[in-house]
């Protein structure tokens, strides 16, 4: 391969390798599917070789693709390390603070605190992203994460803010008849524990509506599209929902506030941690 690669080429190949598809890479890079397809074709034409083999299940990297992706990871880590070093030396509450969480936690837990935090520190730019994926804090895809998990990565540091309980909820207009159909998670959420619970309960064939986020499922239940398992902190604040039974023990999980240890003591992250620990509790 004699072509000279640009940084965007490395990012492109790494995004496809890590997501396994062009659509996944497009979401990660914030562009559309056609752009990824065109850029990959142009890269392979310049390189004179294929970076990926196309299969029905997705895109599998060739040895050349794997080499480019490995180099991209090293480059990304080097850049992130430099950014962390700069951030660690910063004592002013300025710059950009990247936060990753779920849509439900952002809307119903984080947003009021972030509004207060931003008002107190107007020099900061707050950048939030919501998805089911725990963004890589080592690569500085985000600086802070608020995530439901019982197994936070050992490479990160933080605090458990309490336990997230879940239960079955239904629209008050639908009653609690067991014949009511179900709302469930879309496969893209990779919500294995809930999928397992639904299957064990024997209602997987009764799921008529699926959403790719917790907030989407909650709104569907509220609209009367079926009963569904929702976090209690979320459902109890929504009008027109009634809980069916007790919280489900096997679906209870911790909620962790996390960051990378190299930047834990920076002014902006220390201030955010202090406010969140003071304001946010999951009982």
C-alpha atoms as a PDB file:
ATOM      1  CA  UNK A   1       0.000   0.000   0.000  1.00  0.00           C
ATOM      2  CA  UNK A   2       1.727   3.152  -1.245  1.00  0.00           C
ATOM      3  CA  UNK A   3      -1.047   5.721  -0.713  1.00  0.00           C
ATOM      4  CA  UNK A   4      -0.564   8.399   1.915  1.00  0.00           C
ATOM      5  CA  UNK A   5      -3.348   8.200   4.481  1.00  0.00           C
ATOM      6  CA  UNK A   6      -4.949  11.195   6.121  1.00  0.00           C
ATOM      7  CA  UNK A   7      -6.190  11.292   9.720  1.00  0.00           C
ATOM      8  CA  UNK A   8      -9.788  11.028   8.457  1.00  0.00           C
ATOM      9  CA  UNK A   9      -8.867   7.787   6.666  1.00  0.00           C
ATOM     10  CA  UNK A  10      -7.640   6.262   9.907  1.00  0.00           C
ATOM     11  CA  UNK A  11     -10.779   7.406  11.745  1.00  0.00           C
ATOM     12  CA  UNK A  12     -12.963   5.959   8.976  1.00  0.00           C
ATOM     13  CA  UNK A  13     -11.375   2.501   9.055  1.00  0.00           C
ATOM     14  CA  UNK A  14     -11.384   2.376  12.862  1.00  0.00           C
ATOM     15  CA  UNK A  15     -15.076   3.353  13.005  1.00  0.00           C
ATOM     16  CA  UNK A  16     -16.015   0.580  10.558  1.00  0.00           C
ATOM     17  CA  UNK A  17     -13.887  -1.990  12.401  1.00  0.00           C
ATOM     18  CA  UNK A  18     -15.366  -1.130  15.795  1.00  0.00           C
ATOM     19  CA  UNK A  19     -18.984  -0.888  14.621  1.00  0.00           C
ATOM     20  CA  UNK A  20     -18.873  -3.693  12.048  1.00  0.00           C
ATOM     21  CA  UNK A  21     -20.987  -1.798   9.522  1.00  0.00           C
ATOM     22  CA  UNK A  22     -21.119   1.331   7.408  1.00  0.00           C
ATOM     23  CA  UNK A  23     -24.276   2.545   9.128  1.00  0.00           C
ATOM     24  CA  UNK A  24     -22.658   2.131  12.547  1.00  0.00           C
ATOM     25  CA  UNK A  25     -19.567   4.003  11.382  1.00  0.00           C
ATOM     26  CA  UNK A  26     -21.783   6.746   9.967  1.00  0.00           C
ATOM     27  CA  UNK A  27     -23.506   7.221  13.316  1.00  0.00           C
ATOM     28  CA  UNK A  28     -20.171   7.296  15.121  1.00  0.00           C
ATOM     29  CA  UNK A  29     -18.648   9.874  12.766  1.00  0.00           C
ATOM     30  CA  UNK A  30     -21.793  11.964  12.436  1.00  0.00           C
ATOM     31  CA  UNK A  31     -22.236  11.568   8.679  1.00  0.00           C
ATOM     32  CA  UNK A  32     -24.607   9.599   6.467  1.00  0.00           C
ATOM     33  CA  UNK A  33     -24.231   6.065   5.094  1.00  0.00           C
ATOM     34  CA  UNK A  34     -23.570   7.275   1.540  1.00  0.00           C
ATOM     35  CA  UNK A  35     -20.664   9.439   2.685  1.00  0.00           C
ATOM     36  CA  UNK A  36     -19.016   6.492   4.459  1.00  0.00           C
ATOM     37  CA  UNK A  37     -19.509   4.284   1.385  1.00  0.00           C
ATOM     38  CA  UNK A  38     -17.984   6.925  -0.887  1.00  0.00           C
ATOM     39  CA  UNK A  39     -15.038   7.646   1.407  1.00  0.00           C
ATOM     40  CA  UNK A  40     -14.231   3.945   1.841  1.00  0.00           C
ATOM     41  CA  UNK A  41     -14.349   3.408  -1.927  1.00  0.00           C
ATOM     42  CA  UNK A  42     -12.026   6.353  -2.502  1.00  0.00           C
ATOM     43  CA  UNK A  43      -9.605   5.128   0.170  1.00  0.00           C
ATOM     44  CA  UNK A  44      -9.442   1.604  -1.263  1.00  0.00           C
ATOM     45  CA  UNK A  45      -8.981   2.994  -4.783  1.00  0.00           C
ATOM     46  CA  UNK A  46      -6.047   5.152  -3.643  1.00  0.00           C
ATOM     47  CA  UNK A  47      -4.545   2.292  -1.651  1.00  0.00           C
ATOM     48  CA  UNK A  48      -5.015  -0.209  -4.445  1.00  0.00           C
ATOM     49  CA  UNK A  49      -6.280  -2.835  -2.022  1.00  0.00           C
ATOM     50  CA  UNK A  50      -9.346  -3.750  -0.012  1.00  0.00           C
ATOM     51  CA  UNK A  51      -9.526  -2.722   3.636  1.00  0.00           C
ATOM     52  CA  UNK A  52     -12.641  -4.838   4.266  1.00  0.00           C
ATOM     53  CA  UNK A  53     -14.336  -7.981   3.074  1.00  0.00           C
ATOM     54  CA  UNK A  54     -18.065  -7.577   2.576  1.00  0.00           C
ATOM     55  CA  UNK A  55     -20.251 -10.227   4.232  1.00  0.00           C
ATOM     56  CA  UNK A  56     -23.955 -10.502   4.870  1.00  0.00           C
ATOM     57  CA  UNK A  57     -23.296 -10.014   8.571  1.00  0.00           C
ATOM     58  CA  UNK A  58     -21.227  -6.873   8.063  1.00  0.00           C
ATOM     59  CA  UNK A  59     -17.765  -5.617   7.150  1.00  0.00           C
ATOM     60  CA  UNK A  60     -14.741  -7.669   8.237  1.00  0.00           C
ATOM     61  CA  UNK A  61     -11.322  -6.030   8.131  1.00  0.00           C
ATOM     62  CA  UNK A  62      -8.593  -7.463   5.925  1.00  0.00           C
ATOM     63  CA  UNK A  63      -5.036  -7.550   7.320  1.00  0.00           C
ATOM     64  CA  UNK A  64      -4.500  -4.089   5.797  1.00  0.00           C
ATOM     65  CA  UNK A  65      -7.684  -2.837   7.443  1.00  0.00           C
ATOM     66  CA  UNK A  66      -6.642  -4.269  10.794  1.00  0.00           C
ATOM     67  CA  UNK A  67      -3.229  -2.601  10.495  1.00  0.00           C
ATOM     68  CA  UNK A  68      -4.825   0.794   9.747  1.00  0.00           C
ATOM     69  CA  UNK A  69      -7.267   0.382  12.638  1.00  0.00           C
ATOM     70  CA  UNK A  70      -4.482  -0.571  15.061  1.00  0.00           C
ATOM     71  CA  UNK A  71      -2.496   2.498  14.020  1.00  0.00           C
ATOM     72  CA  UNK A  72      -5.613   4.661  14.431  1.00  0.00           C
ATOM     73  CA  UNK A  73      -6.097   3.375  17.982  1.00  0.00           C
ATOM     74  CA  UNK A  74      -2.504   4.267  18.857  1.00  0.00           C
ATOM     75  CA  UNK A  75      -2.903   7.732  17.318  1.00  0.00           C
ATOM     76  CA  UNK A  76      -6.190   8.284  19.134  1.00  0.00           C
ATOM     77  CA  UNK A  77      -4.696   7.250  22.466  1.00  0.00           C
ATOM     78  CA  UNK A  78      -1.702   9.528  21.943  1.00  0.00           C
ATOM     79  CA  UNK A  79      -3.950  12.504  21.190  1.00  0.00           C
ATOM     80  CA  UNK A  80      -6.201  11.686  24.147  1.00  0.00           C
ATOM     81  CA  UNK A  81      -3.185  11.427  26.432  1.00  0.00           C
ATOM     82  CA  UNK A  82      -2.002  14.864  25.347  1.00  0.00           C
ATOM     83  CA  UNK A  83      -5.487  16.293  25.882  1.00  0.00           C
ATOM     84  CA  UNK A  84      -5.684  14.764  29.362  1.00  0.00           C
ATOM     85  CA  UNK A  85      -2.286  16.241  30.251  1.00  0.00           C
ATOM     86  CA  UNK A  86      -3.435  19.686  29.112  1.00  0.00           C
ATOM     87  CA  UNK A  87      -6.750  19.298  30.901  1.00  0.00           C
ATOM     88  CA  UNK A  88      -5.022  18.181  34.098  1.00  0.00           C
ATOM     89  CA  UNK A  89      -2.976  21.388  34.135  1.00  0.00           C
ATOM     90  CA  UNK A  90      -6.081  23.544  33.666  1.00  0.00           C
ATOM     91  CA  UNK A  91      -7.418  25.125  36.841  1.00  0.00           C
ATOM     92  CA  UNK A  92     -10.022  27.330  35.147  1.00  0.00           C
ATOM     93  CA  UNK A  93     -13.558  26.214  34.454  1.00  0.00           C
ATOM     94  CA  UNK A  94     -13.406  26.851  30.719  1.00  0.00           C
ATOM     95  CA  UNK A  95     -13.321  24.784  27.562  1.00  0.00           C
ATOM     96  CA  UNK A  96     -15.533  21.837  26.617  1.00  0.00           C
ATOM     97  CA  UNK A  97     -16.822  19.173  28.995  1.00  0.00           C
ATOM     98  CA  UNK A  98     -18.110  16.057  27.234  1.00  0.00           C
ATOM     99  CA  UNK A  99     -20.746  13.996  29.053  1.00  0.00           C
ATOM    100  CA  UNK A 100     -22.200  10.653  27.950  1.00  0.00           C
ATOM    101  CA  UNK A 101     -25.325   9.125  29.462  1.00  0.00           C
ATOM    102  CA  UNK A 102     -28.688   7.658  28.460  1.00  0.00           C
ATOM    103  CA  UNK A 103     -31.528   9.769  27.083  1.00  0.00           C
ATOM    104  CA  UNK A 104     -33.703   9.087  30.141  1.00  0.00           C
ATOM    105  CA  UNK A 105     -30.978   9.985  32.639  1.00  0.00           C
ATOM    106  CA  UNK A 106     -30.160  13.146  30.691  1.00  0.00           C
ATOM    107  CA  UNK A 107     -33.759  14.346  30.485  1.00  0.00           C
ATOM    108  CA  UNK A 108     -34.975  13.410  33.956  1.00  0.00           C
ATOM    109  CA  UNK A 109     -31.863  13.458  36.150  1.00  0.00           C
ATOM    110  CA  UNK A 110     -28.926  15.296  34.610  1.00  0.00           C
ATOM    111  CA  UNK A 111     -30.518  18.213  32.787  1.00  0.00           C
ATOM    112  CA  UNK A 112     -31.684  20.194  35.849  1.00  0.00           C
ATOM    113  CA  UNK A 113     -28.225  19.806  37.420  1.00  0.00           C
ATOM    114  CA  UNK A 114     -26.435  20.724  34.183  1.00  0.00           C
ATOM    115  CA  UNK A 115     -28.558  23.847  33.860  1.00  0.00           C
ATOM    116  CA  UNK A 116     -27.495  24.899  37.363  1.00  0.00           C
ATOM    117  CA  UNK A 117     -23.879  23.935  36.673  1.00  0.00           C
ATOM    118  CA  UNK A 118     -23.751  25.855  33.389  1.00  0.00           C
ATOM    119  CA  UNK A 119     -25.261  28.937  35.060  1.00  0.00           C
ATOM    120  CA  UNK A 120     -22.577  28.754  37.761  1.00  0.00           C
ATOM    121  CA  UNK A 121     -19.761  28.283  35.217  1.00  0.00           C
ATOM    122  CA  UNK A 122     -20.630  30.225  32.036  1.00  0.00           C
ATOM    123  CA  UNK A 123     -17.128  29.745  30.623  1.00  0.00           C
ATOM    124  CA  UNK A 124     -17.756  26.039  30.051  1.00  0.00           C
ATOM    125  CA  UNK A 125     -19.161  24.481  26.903  1.00  0.00           C
ATOM    126  CA  UNK A 126     -21.135  21.332  27.805  1.00  0.00           C
ATOM    127  CA  UNK A 127     -21.374  18.662  25.117  1.00  0.00           C
ATOM    128  CA  UNK A 128     -23.731  15.738  25.814  1.00  0.00           C
ATOM    129  CA  UNK A 129     -24.240  12.504  23.923  1.00  0.00           C
ATOM    130  CA  UNK A 130     -26.843   9.821  24.570  1.00  0.00           C
ATOM    131  CA  UNK A 131     -26.710   6.189  23.517  1.00  0.00           C
ATOM    132  CA  UNK A 132     -26.764   2.705  24.954  1.00  0.00           C
ATOM    133  CA  UNK A 133     -23.005   2.510  24.390  1.00  0.00           C
ATOM    134  CA  UNK A 134     -20.518   3.447  27.111  1.00  0.00           C
ATOM    135  CA  UNK A 135     -18.286   5.827  25.171  1.00  0.00           C
ATOM    136  CA  UNK A 136     -14.569   5.290  25.525  1.00  0.00           C
ATOM    137  CA  UNK A 137     -13.342   7.678  28.221  1.00  0.00           C
ATOM    138  CA  UNK A 138      -9.754   6.530  27.719  1.00  0.00           C
ATOM    139  CA  UNK A 139      -9.864   7.858  24.133  1.00  0.00           C
ATOM    140  CA  UNK A 140     -11.730  10.946  25.381  1.00  0.00           C
ATOM    141  CA  UNK A 141     -14.853  10.252  23.340  1.00  0.00           C
ATOM    142  CA  UNK A 142     -16.294  11.702  26.549  1.00  0.00           C
ATOM    143  CA  UNK A 143     -14.914  13.107  29.806  1.00  0.00           C
ATOM    144  CA  UNK A 144     -17.671  12.026  32.189  1.00  0.00           C
ATOM    145  CA  UNK A 145     -20.187   9.181  32.049  1.00  0.00           C
ATOM    146  CA  UNK A 146     -23.373   8.624  34.052  1.00  0.00           C
ATOM    147  CA  UNK A 147     -24.383   5.040  33.374  1.00  0.00           C
ATOM    148  CA  UNK A 148     -26.474   2.199  34.778  1.00  0.00           C
ATOM    149  CA  UNK A 149     -24.023  -0.648  35.411  1.00  0.00           C
ATOM    150  CA  UNK A 150     -22.899  -3.082  38.069  1.00  0.00           C
ATOM    151  CA  UNK A 151     -19.512  -3.544  36.425  1.00  0.00           C
ATOM    152  CA  UNK A 152     -17.843  -0.193  35.676  1.00  0.00           C
ATOM    153  CA  UNK A 153     -14.583  -0.528  33.718  1.00  0.00           C
ATOM    154  CA  UNK A 154     -11.552  -0.968  35.961  1.00  0.00           C
ATOM    155  CA  UNK A 155      -9.707   1.685  33.965  1.00  0.00           C
ATOM    156  CA  UNK A 156     -12.134   4.376  35.162  1.00  0.00           C
ATOM    157  CA  UNK A 157     -12.700   6.009  38.521  1.00  0.00           C
ATOM    158  CA  UNK A 158     -15.905   7.308  40.065  1.00  0.00           C
ATOM    159  CA  UNK A 159     -18.725   6.697  42.487  1.00  0.00           C
ATOM    160  CA  UNK A 160     -21.944   4.722  42.601  1.00  0.00           C
ATOM    161  CA  UNK A 161     -24.825   7.161  43.107  1.00  0.00           C
ATOM    162  CA  UNK A 162     -27.300   4.511  44.216  1.00  0.00           C
ATOM    163  CA  UNK A 163     -29.387   1.661  42.884  1.00  0.00           C
ATOM    164  CA  UNK A 164     -31.661   1.907  39.859  1.00  0.00           C
ATOM    165  CA  UNK A 165     -34.857  -0.087  40.389  1.00  0.00           C
ATOM    166  CA  UNK A 166     -37.188  -1.169  37.608  1.00  0.00           C
ATOM    167  CA  UNK A 167     -40.768  -2.390  37.496  1.00  0.00           C
ATOM    168  CA  UNK A 168     -43.598  -3.027  35.072  1.00  0.00           C
ATOM    169  CA  UNK A 169     -45.698   0.038  34.250  1.00  0.00           C
ATOM    170  CA  UNK A 170     -48.818   0.548  32.177  1.00  0.00           C
ATOM    171  CA  UNK A 171     -50.966   3.488  31.127  1.00  0.00           C
ATOM    172  CA  UNK A 172     -53.639   4.155  33.735  1.00  0.00           C
ATOM    173  CA  UNK A 173     -56.187   4.133  30.910  1.00  0.00           C
ATOM    174  CA  UNK A 174     -55.312   0.541  30.011  1.00  0.00           C
ATOM    175  CA  UNK A 175     -55.818  -0.972  33.469  1.00  0.00           C
ATOM    176  CA  UNK A 176     -53.769  -3.916  34.686  1.00  0.00           C
ATOM    177  CA  UNK A 177     -55.310  -6.749  32.675  1.00  0.00           C
ATOM    178  CA  UNK A 178     -52.659  -9.402  31.971  1.00  0.00           C
ATOM    179  CA  UNK A 179     -53.870  -9.633  28.361  1.00  0.00           C
ATOM    180  CA  UNK A 180     -52.345  -6.214  27.610  1.00  0.00           C
ATOM    181  CA  UNK A 181     -49.589  -6.466  25.039  1.00  0.00           C
ATOM    182  CA  UNK A 182     -45.999  -5.405  25.727  1.00  0.00           C
ATOM    183  CA  UNK A 183     -43.505  -2.702  24.846  1.00  0.00           C
ATOM    184  CA  UNK A 184     -39.889  -3.894  24.641  1.00  0.00           C
ATOM    185  CA  UNK A 185     -36.349  -2.851  23.701  1.00  0.00           C
ATOM    186  CA  UNK A 186     -35.115  -2.842  20.132  1.00  0.00           C
ATOM    187  CA  UNK A 187     -32.181  -5.150  19.416  1.00  0.00           C
ATOM    188  CA  UNK A 188     -29.917  -2.136  18.869  1.00  0.00           C
ATOM    189  CA  UNK A 189     -30.150  -1.340  22.607  1.00  0.00           C
ATOM    190  CA  UNK A 190     -28.387  -4.635  23.403  1.00  0.00           C
ATOM    191  CA  UNK A 191     -30.512  -4.712  26.564  1.00  0.00           C
ATOM    192  CA  UNK A 192     -29.735  -8.364  27.322  1.00  0.00           C
ATOM    193  CA  UNK A 193     -31.005  -8.464  30.915  1.00  0.00           C
ATOM    194  CA  UNK A 194     -34.442  -7.129  29.977  1.00  0.00           C
ATOM    195  CA  UNK A 195     -34.655  -9.333  26.890  1.00  0.00           C
ATOM    196  CA  UNK A 196     -33.824 -12.339  29.081  1.00  0.00           C
ATOM    197  CA  UNK A 197     -36.470 -11.331  31.646  1.00  0.00           C
ATOM    198  CA  UNK A 198     -39.145 -10.897  28.955  1.00  0.00           C
ATOM    199  CA  UNK A 199     -38.341 -14.304  27.483  1.00  0.00           C
ATOM    200  CA  UNK A 200     -38.292 -16.012  30.908  1.00  0.00           C
ATOM    201  CA  UNK A 201     -41.701 -14.510  31.651  1.00  0.00           C
ATOM    202  CA  UNK A 202     -42.983 -15.986  28.402  1.00  0.00           C
ATOM    203  CA  UNK A 203     -44.239 -12.715  26.939  1.00  0.00           C
ATOM    204  CA  UNK A 204     -41.656 -12.221  24.176  1.00  0.00           C
ATOM    205  CA  UNK A 205     -44.294 -13.095  21.563  1.00  0.00           C
ATOM    206  CA  UNK A 206     -46.566 -10.393  23.017  1.00  0.00           C
ATOM    207  CA  UNK A 207     -44.172  -7.536  22.325  1.00  0.00           C
ATOM    208  CA  UNK A 208     -45.923  -5.414  19.686  1.00  0.00           C
ATOM    209  CA  UNK A 209     -43.856  -2.254  19.969  1.00  0.00           C
ATOM    210  CA  UNK A 210     -40.111  -1.791  20.325  1.00  0.00           C
ATOM    211  CA  UNK A 211     -38.007   1.319  20.910  1.00  0.00           C
ATOM    212  CA  UNK A 212     -34.255   1.869  20.778  1.00  0.00           C
ATOM    213  CA  UNK A 213     -34.081   3.842  24.020  1.00  0.00           C
ATOM    214  CA  UNK A 214     -35.479   3.775  27.551  1.00  0.00           C
ATOM    215  CA  UNK A 215     -37.205   7.109  27.044  1.00  0.00           C
ATOM    216  CA  UNK A 216     -38.764   5.806  23.835  1.00  0.00           C
ATOM    217  CA  UNK A 217     -40.174   2.775  25.654  1.00  0.00           C
ATOM    218  CA  UNK A 218     -41.513   4.984  28.452  1.00  0.00           C
ATOM    219  CA  UNK A 219     -43.332   7.303  26.047  1.00  0.00           C
ATOM    220  CA  UNK A 220     -44.793   4.272  24.239  1.00  0.00           C
ATOM    221  CA  UNK A 221     -46.144   2.864  27.506  1.00  0.00           C
ATOM    222  CA  UNK A 222     -47.516   6.279  28.416  1.00  0.00           C
ATOM    223  CA  UNK A 223     -49.278   6.436  25.023  1.00  0.00           C
ATOM    224  CA  UNK A 224     -51.060   3.151  25.777  1.00  0.00           C
ATOM    225  CA  UNK A 225     -49.108   0.966  23.347  1.00  0.00           C
ATOM    226  CA  UNK A 226     -48.588  -1.716  25.988  1.00  0.00           C
ATOM    227  CA  UNK A 227     -47.102  -2.462  29.361  1.00  0.00           C
ATOM    228  CA  UNK A 228     -43.357  -2.376  29.803  1.00  0.00           C
ATOM    229  CA  UNK A 229     -40.446  -2.479  32.211  1.00  0.00           C
ATOM    230  CA  UNK A 230     -39.227   1.017  33.058  1.00  0.00           C
ATOM    231  CA  UNK A 231     -36.834   2.578  35.582  1.00  0.00           C
ATOM    232  CA  UNK A 232     -38.812   3.689  38.623  1.00  0.00           C
ATOM    233  CA  UNK A 233     -37.045   7.072  38.796  1.00  0.00           C
ATOM    234  CA  UNK A 234     -38.384   7.801  35.291  1.00  0.00           C
ATOM    235  CA  UNK A 235     -41.859   6.249  35.352  1.00  0.00           C
ATOM    236  CA  UNK A 236     -42.799   7.747  38.722  1.00  0.00           C
ATOM    237  CA  UNK A 237     -42.356  11.261  37.293  1.00  0.00           C
ATOM    238  CA  UNK A 238     -44.493  10.642  34.191  1.00  0.00           C
ATOM    239  CA  UNK A 239     -48.200  11.368  34.217  1.00  0.00           C
ATOM    240  CA  UNK A 240     -50.679   8.602  33.528  1.00  0.00           C
ATOM    241  CA  UNK A 241     -48.507   5.619  34.453  1.00  0.00           C
ATOM    242  CA  UNK A 242     -49.301   3.070  37.128  1.00  0.00           C
ATOM    243  CA  UNK A 243     -46.896   0.449  38.474  1.00  0.00           C
ATOM    244  CA  UNK A 244     -47.822  -3.214  38.208  1.00  0.00           C
ATOM    245  CA  UNK A 245     -46.250  -5.156  41.081  1.00  0.00           C
ATOM    246  CA  UNK A 246     -42.999  -4.670  42.952  1.00  0.00           C
ATOM    247  CA  UNK A 247     -39.621  -3.694  41.499  1.00  0.00           C
ATOM    248  CA  UNK A 248     -37.901  -6.577  39.734  1.00  0.00           C
ATOM    249  CA  UNK A 249     -34.824  -7.665  41.754  1.00  0.00           C
ATOM    250  CA  UNK A 250     -32.908  -9.211  38.856  1.00  0.00           C
ATOM    251  CA  UNK A 251     -33.135  -5.975  36.841  1.00  0.00           C
ATOM    252  CA  UNK A 252     -31.853  -3.717  39.608  1.00  0.00           C
ATOM    253  CA  UNK A 253     -28.499  -2.142  38.839  1.00  0.00           C
ATOM    254  CA  UNK A 254     -26.136   0.515  40.098  1.00  0.00           C
ATOM    255  CA  UNK A 255     -25.794   3.984  38.608  1.00  0.00           C
ATOM    256  CA  UNK A 256     -22.178   5.111  38.308  1.00  0.00           C
ATOM    257  CA  UNK A 257     -20.602   8.507  37.768  1.00  0.00           C
ATOM    258  CA  UNK A 258     -17.314   7.832  35.970  1.00  0.00           C
ATOM    259  CA  UNK A 259     -14.297   9.567  34.512  1.00  0.00           C
ATOM    260  CA  UNK A 260     -10.695   8.786  33.622  1.00  0.00           C
ATOM    261  CA  UNK A 261      -8.324   8.957  36.624  1.00  0.00           C
ATOM    262  CA  UNK A 262      -5.916  11.221  34.724  1.00  0.00           C
ATOM    263  CA  UNK A 263      -8.488  14.040  34.613  1.00  0.00           C
ATOM    264  CA  UNK A 264     -10.482  13.373  37.796  1.00  0.00           C
ATOM    265  CA  UNK A 265      -8.898  16.338  39.619  1.00  0.00           C
ATOM    266  CA  UNK A 266      -9.280  18.919  36.866  1.00  0.00           C
ATOM    267  CA  UNK A 267     -11.307  21.936  37.905  1.00  0.00           C
ATOM    268  CA  UNK A 268     -14.322  21.349  35.653  1.00  0.00           C
ATOM    269  CA  UNK A 269     -14.693  17.642  36.391  1.00  0.00           C
ATOM    270  CA  UNK A 270     -14.139  18.058  40.132  1.00  0.00           C
ATOM    271  CA  UNK A 271     -16.822  20.759  40.198  1.00  0.00           C
ATOM    272  CA  UNK A 272     -19.273  18.640  38.192  1.00  0.00           C
ATOM    273  CA  UNK A 273     -18.648  15.564  40.347  1.00  0.00           C
ATOM    274  CA  UNK A 274     -19.202  17.589  43.494  1.00  0.00           C
ATOM    275  CA  UNK A 275     -22.521  18.949  42.264  1.00  0.00           C
ATOM    276  CA  UNK A 276     -23.804  15.621  40.935  1.00  0.00           C
ATOM    277  CA  UNK A 277     -22.852  13.740  44.093  1.00  0.00           C
ATOM    278  CA  UNK A 278     -24.639  16.402  46.124  1.00  0.00           C
ATOM    279  CA  UNK A 279     -27.790  16.573  43.954  1.00  0.00           C
ATOM    280  CA  UNK A 280     -28.334  13.104  42.498  1.00  0.00           C
ATOM    281  CA  UNK A 281     -29.504  10.124  44.512  1.00  0.00           C
ATOM    282  CA  UNK A 282     -31.027   6.832  43.434  1.00  0.00           C
ATOM    283  CA  UNK A 283     -32.809   5.163  46.331  1.00  0.00           C
END
